[in-house]
């Protein structure tokens, strides 16, 4: 699997990693899981509906983070990524914590994947 990251995702990761020191390691674990199965897997991840684009954009809701010891997959981090099955490629779009933001940035998705 080929992984790419939007510049905005890199900024999200850098900002959040200042408070959550294990986040880079947590993202690497997520990538390993996506290498095995990158499709949606409710209730952990699901395709974002209503975007009216061909690109398959998936939101991961359950991410185990070492920063939240004892909370398991209910850490509150969310990852949005575009999945290109034929190209065997994933583009990381957005990373946020649910306490800071309620939903994904649909404008960011549409600006990059129309």
C-alpha atoms as a PDB file:
ATOM      1  CA  UNK A   1       0.000   0.000   0.000  1.00  0.00           C
ATOM      2  CA  UNK A   2       1.258   3.466  -0.910  1.00  0.00           C
ATOM      3  CA  UNK A   3       0.560   6.152   1.685  1.00  0.00           C
ATOM      4  CA  UNK A   4       0.511   9.858   0.944  1.00  0.00           C
ATOM      5  CA  UNK A   5      -0.463  12.777   3.151  1.00  0.00           C
ATOM      6  CA  UNK A   6      -1.969  16.125   2.248  1.00  0.00           C
ATOM      7  CA  UNK A   7      -0.038  19.107   3.601  1.00  0.00           C
ATOM      8  CA  UNK A   8      -3.062  19.915   5.759  1.00  0.00           C
ATOM      9  CA  UNK A   9      -2.910  16.416   7.289  1.00  0.00           C
ATOM     10  CA  UNK A  10       0.770  16.925   8.103  1.00  0.00           C
ATOM     11  CA  UNK A  11      -0.106  20.192   9.854  1.00  0.00           C
ATOM     12  CA  UNK A  12      -2.917  18.480  11.789  1.00  0.00           C
ATOM     13  CA  UNK A  13      -0.522  15.736  12.894  1.00  0.00           C
ATOM     14  CA  UNK A  14       2.209  18.160  13.916  1.00  0.00           C
ATOM     15  CA  UNK A  15      -0.199  20.300  15.939  1.00  0.00           C
ATOM     16  CA  UNK A  16      -1.869  17.367  17.738  1.00  0.00           C
ATOM     17  CA  UNK A  17       1.424  15.575  18.399  1.00  0.00           C
ATOM     18  CA  UNK A  18       2.579  18.458  20.587  1.00  0.00           C
ATOM     19  CA  UNK A  19      -0.059  17.476  23.130  1.00  0.00           C
ATOM     20  CA  UNK A  20      -0.240  13.742  22.301  1.00  0.00           C
ATOM     21  CA  UNK A  21       3.369  12.575  22.048  1.00  0.00           C
ATOM     22  CA  UNK A  22       2.570   9.047  20.822  1.00  0.00           C
ATOM     23  CA  UNK A  23       0.499  10.188  17.859  1.00  0.00           C
ATOM     24  CA  UNK A  24       3.171   9.525  15.210  1.00  0.00           C
ATOM     25  CA  UNK A  25       3.468   5.939  16.493  1.00  0.00           C
ATOM     26  CA  UNK A  26      -0.322   5.617  16.631  1.00  0.00           C
ATOM     27  CA  UNK A  27      -0.581   6.698  12.980  1.00  0.00           C
ATOM     28  CA  UNK A  28       2.003   4.083  11.981  1.00  0.00           C
ATOM     29  CA  UNK A  29      -0.121   1.396  13.649  1.00  0.00           C
ATOM     30  CA  UNK A  30      -3.189   2.659  11.769  1.00  0.00           C
ATOM     31  CA  UNK A  31      -1.209   2.395   8.516  1.00  0.00           C
ATOM     32  CA  UNK A  32      -0.300  -1.217   9.309  1.00  0.00           C
ATOM     33  CA  UNK A  33      -3.985  -2.010   9.859  1.00  0.00           C
ATOM     34  CA  UNK A  34      -4.906  -0.256   6.601  1.00  0.00           C
ATOM     35  CA  UNK A  35      -2.279  -2.342   4.794  1.00  0.00           C
ATOM     36  CA  UNK A  36      -4.260  -5.431   5.774  1.00  0.00           C
ATOM     37  CA  UNK A  37      -7.762  -4.032   5.212  1.00  0.00           C
ATOM     38  CA  UNK A  38      -8.233  -0.513   3.877  1.00  0.00           C
ATOM     39  CA  UNK A  39     -11.984  -0.752   3.225  1.00  0.00           C
ATOM     40  CA  UNK A  40     -14.649   0.571   5.551  1.00  0.00           C
ATOM     41  CA  UNK A  41     -15.371  -1.601   8.583  1.00  0.00           C
ATOM     42  CA  UNK A  42     -18.354  -0.339  10.600  1.00  0.00           C
ATOM     43  CA  UNK A  43     -18.441   0.602  13.467  1.00  0.00           C
ATOM     44  CA  UNK A  44     -14.715   1.418  13.351  1.00  0.00           C
ATOM     45  CA  UNK A  45     -14.723   3.146   9.992  1.00  0.00           C
ATOM     46  CA  UNK A  46     -17.222   4.034   7.323  1.00  0.00           C
ATOM     47  CA  UNK A  47     -17.475   5.727   3.935  1.00  0.00           C
ATOM     48  CA  UNK A  48     -18.502   9.375   4.117  1.00  0.00           C
ATOM     49  CA  UNK A  49     -21.762   9.781   2.233  1.00  0.00           C
ATOM     50  CA  UNK A  50     -23.110  12.825   0.446  1.00  0.00           C
ATOM     51  CA  UNK A  51     -19.844  14.099  -1.037  1.00  0.00           C
ATOM     52  CA  UNK A  52     -20.963  13.493  -4.635  1.00  0.00           C
ATOM     53  CA  UNK A  53     -17.451  12.550  -5.750  1.00  0.00           C
ATOM     54  CA  UNK A  54     -16.129   9.273  -7.171  1.00  0.00           C
ATOM     55  CA  UNK A  55     -13.251   9.002  -4.729  1.00  0.00           C
ATOM     56  CA  UNK A  56     -13.907   6.651  -1.811  1.00  0.00           C
ATOM     57  CA  UNK A  57     -13.381   8.775   1.313  1.00  0.00           C
ATOM     58  CA  UNK A  58     -13.426   6.907   4.620  1.00  0.00           C
ATOM     59  CA  UNK A  59     -13.582   8.149   8.201  1.00  0.00           C
ATOM     60  CA  UNK A  60     -11.931   6.112  10.959  1.00  0.00           C
ATOM     61  CA  UNK A  61     -13.706   6.684  14.260  1.00  0.00           C
ATOM     62  CA  UNK A  62     -12.006   4.201  16.548  1.00  0.00           C
ATOM     63  CA  UNK A  63      -8.270   4.711  16.928  1.00  0.00           C
ATOM     64  CA  UNK A  64      -6.336   3.279  19.845  1.00  0.00           C
ATOM     65  CA  UNK A  65      -3.836   5.830  21.127  1.00  0.00           C
ATOM     66  CA  UNK A  66      -1.077   5.240  23.642  1.00  0.00           C
ATOM     67  CA  UNK A  67      -1.620   8.851  24.763  1.00  0.00           C
ATOM     68  CA  UNK A  68      -4.969   7.840  26.227  1.00  0.00           C
ATOM     69  CA  UNK A  69      -3.791   4.882  28.268  1.00  0.00           C
ATOM     70  CA  UNK A  70      -6.685   2.751  29.443  1.00  0.00           C
ATOM     71  CA  UNK A  71      -9.239   4.206  27.022  1.00  0.00           C
ATOM     72  CA  UNK A  72      -8.618   1.723  24.189  1.00  0.00           C
ATOM     73  CA  UNK A  73     -10.098   2.663  20.829  1.00  0.00           C
ATOM     74  CA  UNK A  74     -12.267   5.386  22.344  1.00  0.00           C
ATOM     75  CA  UNK A  75      -9.446   7.928  22.236  1.00  0.00           C
ATOM     76  CA  UNK A  76     -11.446  10.422  20.244  1.00  0.00           C
ATOM     77  CA  UNK A  77      -9.086  10.780  17.288  1.00  0.00           C
ATOM     78  CA  UNK A  78     -10.560  10.727  13.805  1.00  0.00           C
ATOM     79  CA  UNK A  79      -8.738  10.128  10.515  1.00  0.00           C
ATOM     80  CA  UNK A  80     -10.174  10.881   7.103  1.00  0.00           C
ATOM     81  CA  UNK A  81      -8.524   9.244   4.091  1.00  0.00           C
ATOM     82  CA  UNK A  82      -9.113   8.686   0.393  1.00  0.00           C
ATOM     83  CA  UNK A  83      -8.820   5.090  -0.774  1.00  0.00           C
ATOM     84  CA  UNK A  84      -7.801   4.254  -4.335  1.00  0.00           C
ATOM     85  CA  UNK A  85      -8.239   0.492  -4.497  1.00  0.00           C
ATOM     86  CA  UNK A  86      -7.011   0.016  -8.090  1.00  0.00           C
ATOM     87  CA  UNK A  87      -3.855   2.048  -7.462  1.00  0.00           C
ATOM     88  CA  UNK A  88      -3.353   0.448  -4.032  1.00  0.00           C
ATOM     89  CA  UNK A  89      -3.001   3.935  -2.572  1.00  0.00           C
ATOM     90  CA  UNK A  90      -4.283   5.848   0.440  1.00  0.00           C
ATOM     91  CA  UNK A  91      -4.114   9.610   0.835  1.00  0.00           C
ATOM     92  CA  UNK A  92      -4.442  10.876   4.393  1.00  0.00           C
ATOM     93  CA  UNK A  93      -6.707  13.941   4.356  1.00  0.00           C
ATOM     94  CA  UNK A  94      -7.465  15.007   7.900  1.00  0.00           C
ATOM     95  CA  UNK A  95      -6.697  14.192  11.521  1.00  0.00           C
ATOM     96  CA  UNK A  96      -8.585  15.707  14.430  1.00  0.00           C
ATOM     97  CA  UNK A  97      -9.765  15.047  17.958  1.00  0.00           C
ATOM     98  CA  UNK A  98     -13.510  14.842  18.455  1.00  0.00           C
ATOM     99  CA  UNK A  99     -13.403  17.253  21.403  1.00  0.00           C
ATOM    100  CA  UNK A 100     -11.932  19.970  19.146  1.00  0.00           C
ATOM    101  CA  UNK A 101     -14.107  19.408  16.115  1.00  0.00           C
ATOM    102  CA  UNK A 102     -17.424  17.687  15.547  1.00  0.00           C
ATOM    103  CA  UNK A 103     -17.150  16.570  11.896  1.00  0.00           C
ATOM    104  CA  UNK A 104     -14.741  16.245   9.019  1.00  0.00           C
ATOM    105  CA  UNK A 105     -13.868  19.229   6.845  1.00  0.00           C
ATOM    106  CA  UNK A 106     -15.940  18.493   3.745  1.00  0.00           C
ATOM    107  CA  UNK A 107     -14.567  21.607   2.058  1.00  0.00           C
ATOM    108  CA  UNK A 108     -11.020  20.218   2.400  1.00  0.00           C
ATOM    109  CA  UNK A 109     -12.148  16.922   0.902  1.00  0.00           C
ATOM    110  CA  UNK A 110     -13.948  18.556  -2.032  1.00  0.00           C
ATOM    111  CA  UNK A 111     -11.102  20.995  -2.725  1.00  0.00           C
ATOM    112  CA  UNK A 112      -8.642  18.105  -3.059  1.00  0.00           C
ATOM    113  CA  UNK A 113     -10.737  15.357  -4.610  1.00  0.00           C
ATOM    114  CA  UNK A 114     -13.274  16.862  -7.040  1.00  0.00           C
END
